[in-house]
Amino acid sequence: MEWVKRVDGFFLSFFTNISHKFYRLTGYSNFFLAKLAVCVMVASVMVVIFNYWFPGILSYQSSLIQVAICGLISMFCLFDMVRCDKAEKSAFNDERVRMFHPLYYSPVNRLLWIFLASLMILAVPFIIANNKGYLVFKALDLAFAPAFATFKYFISVDPPSSGKSKIREWCESFSAGFRKLAPMKVNS
């Protein structure tokens, strides 16, 4: 189990670096990135649902059971989105509050989803080689596992210390430069 923690720690530090750099650049926390991953998950699920009513967008026909399961998954994704909003509001408090089920933070569970995401990424050339369906929808269909793995890691990242983003600092210095300019006198 030591290797599981080591590999999970590697991935967690990777996502922590991405999250902290994104925060320093834009001012949005890791929970914003987690919400983006949830949006990709919902888009992936919606492709399967739409494929039931509009056959041909994927290389297979969705069944009614898939539509029902995907409907439930999309509801759970929306609940995760709400939890991300709550976690984002309390991200910079002194104590860290975990808004999600403890299974979401399990290193074994996260690595399982990394493995599934790797399988989905390896399946991309084979899915693309099939001429049936549209490429965009096929890519979205395969994006659920990578998005869910990304979501699990982004919610596990410790938020950085609060501060101003580089974009906000640049805008403030840019506007301060304009305030220093004296109005031009017009001689009539």
Foldseek 3Di string as FASTA:
>chain_A
DVVLVVVLVVVLVVLLVVQQLCCQAPVAGLLVVLLVLLVLLLLLLVLLLVCQVVPFQAPDRRDPVSNVVSVVVNVVSVVSNVLSVVQRVCQQPPDHDQSDDVCLQDSVSLVVLVVLLVVLVVCLVVRVVDPIHDNVSSVSNSSNSVSSSSSSSSSNHRIDHHDDHPVVVVVVVVVVVVVPDDDDDDDD
